[in-house]
Amino acid sequence: MLKRWVSQKHGGVLDMRPDKPLRSESASEAERLQRELLRVTTKRDFLKKALGYFAKDS
């Protein structure tokens, strides 16, 4: 991976200025949304299982 970064830097593809973030805003937002989706999906699945468990007792 380091070799690829060096080749991108020398080729002018990679911008490594100090004021520029390593990740773009859209990539950070996409990662945040994926984590949120995983959290919400996990909660939903848990609640579905709990509903099924308590529905059997009635």
Protein backbone atom coordinates (compact mmCIF):
# COMPACT_ATOMS: atom_id res chain seq x y z
CA MET A 1 0.00 0.00 0.00
CA LEU A 2 2.84 2.36 0.83
CA LYS A 3 4.41 1.66 -2.56
CA ARG A 4 1.11 2.57 -4.25
CA TRP A 5 0.90 5.84 -2.30
CA VAL A 6 4.45 6.76 -3.28
CA SER A 7 3.76 6.03 -6.94
CA GLN A 8 0.54 8.09 -6.79
CA LYS A 9 2.41 10.97 -5.16
CA HIS A 10 5.10 10.95 -7.84
CA GLY A 11 2.49 10.62 -10.56
CA GLY A 12 0.59 13.63 -9.28
CA VAL A 13 -2.54 11.65 -8.43
CA LEU A 14 -2.23 11.88 -4.65
CA ASP A 15 -2.48 15.31 -3.03
CA MET A 16 -0.63 15.32 0.31
CA ARG A 17 -0.83 18.98 1.33
CA PRO A 18 -1.12 19.53 5.10
CA ASP A 19 -4.38 21.48 4.79
CA LYS A 20 -6.05 18.72 2.76
CA PRO A 21 -7.71 15.86 4.71
CA LEU A 22 -6.58 12.33 3.95
CA ARG A 23 -10.16 11.30 3.28
CA SER A 24 -12.75 13.19 1.34
CA GLU A 25 -15.88 14.47 3.05
CA SER A 26 -18.07 12.12 1.03
CA ALA A 27 -16.00 9.07 2.01
CA SER A 28 -16.21 10.03 5.69
CA GLU A 29 -19.96 10.58 5.42
CA ALA A 30 -20.44 7.24 3.64
CA GLU A 31 -18.54 5.43 6.38
CA ARG A 32 -20.58 7.18 9.08
CA LEU A 33 -23.81 6.23 7.33
CA GLN A 34 -22.71 2.60 7.01
CA ARG A 35 -21.98 2.44 10.75
CA GLU A 36 -25.37 4.01 11.51
CA LEU A 37 -27.14 1.56 9.21
CA LEU A 38 -25.43 -1.38 10.91
CA ARG A 39 -26.43 -0.06 14.35
CA VAL A 40 -30.06 0.50 13.35
CA THR A 41 -30.30 -2.87 11.59
CA THR A 42 -28.91 -4.65 14.66
CA LYS A 43 -31.46 -2.92 16.90
CA ARG A 44 -34.28 -3.79 14.52
CA ASP A 45 -33.29 -7.45 14.40
CA PHE A 46 -33.08 -7.60 18.18
CA LEU A 47 -36.53 -6.06 18.56
CA LYS A 48 -37.99 -8.52 16.02
CA LYS A 49 -36.59 -11.43 18.00
CA ALA A 50 -37.87 -9.99 21.27
CA LEU A 51 -41.33 -9.48 19.78
CA GLY A 52 -41.39 -13.08 18.58
CA TYR A 53 -40.31 -14.33 22.01
CA PHE A 54 -42.94 -12.37 23.91
CA ALA A 55 -45.68 -13.16 21.37
CA LYS A 56 -45.19 -16.89 22.07
CA ASP A 57 -45.85 -16.40 25.80
CA SER A 58 -49.30 -14.84 25.28
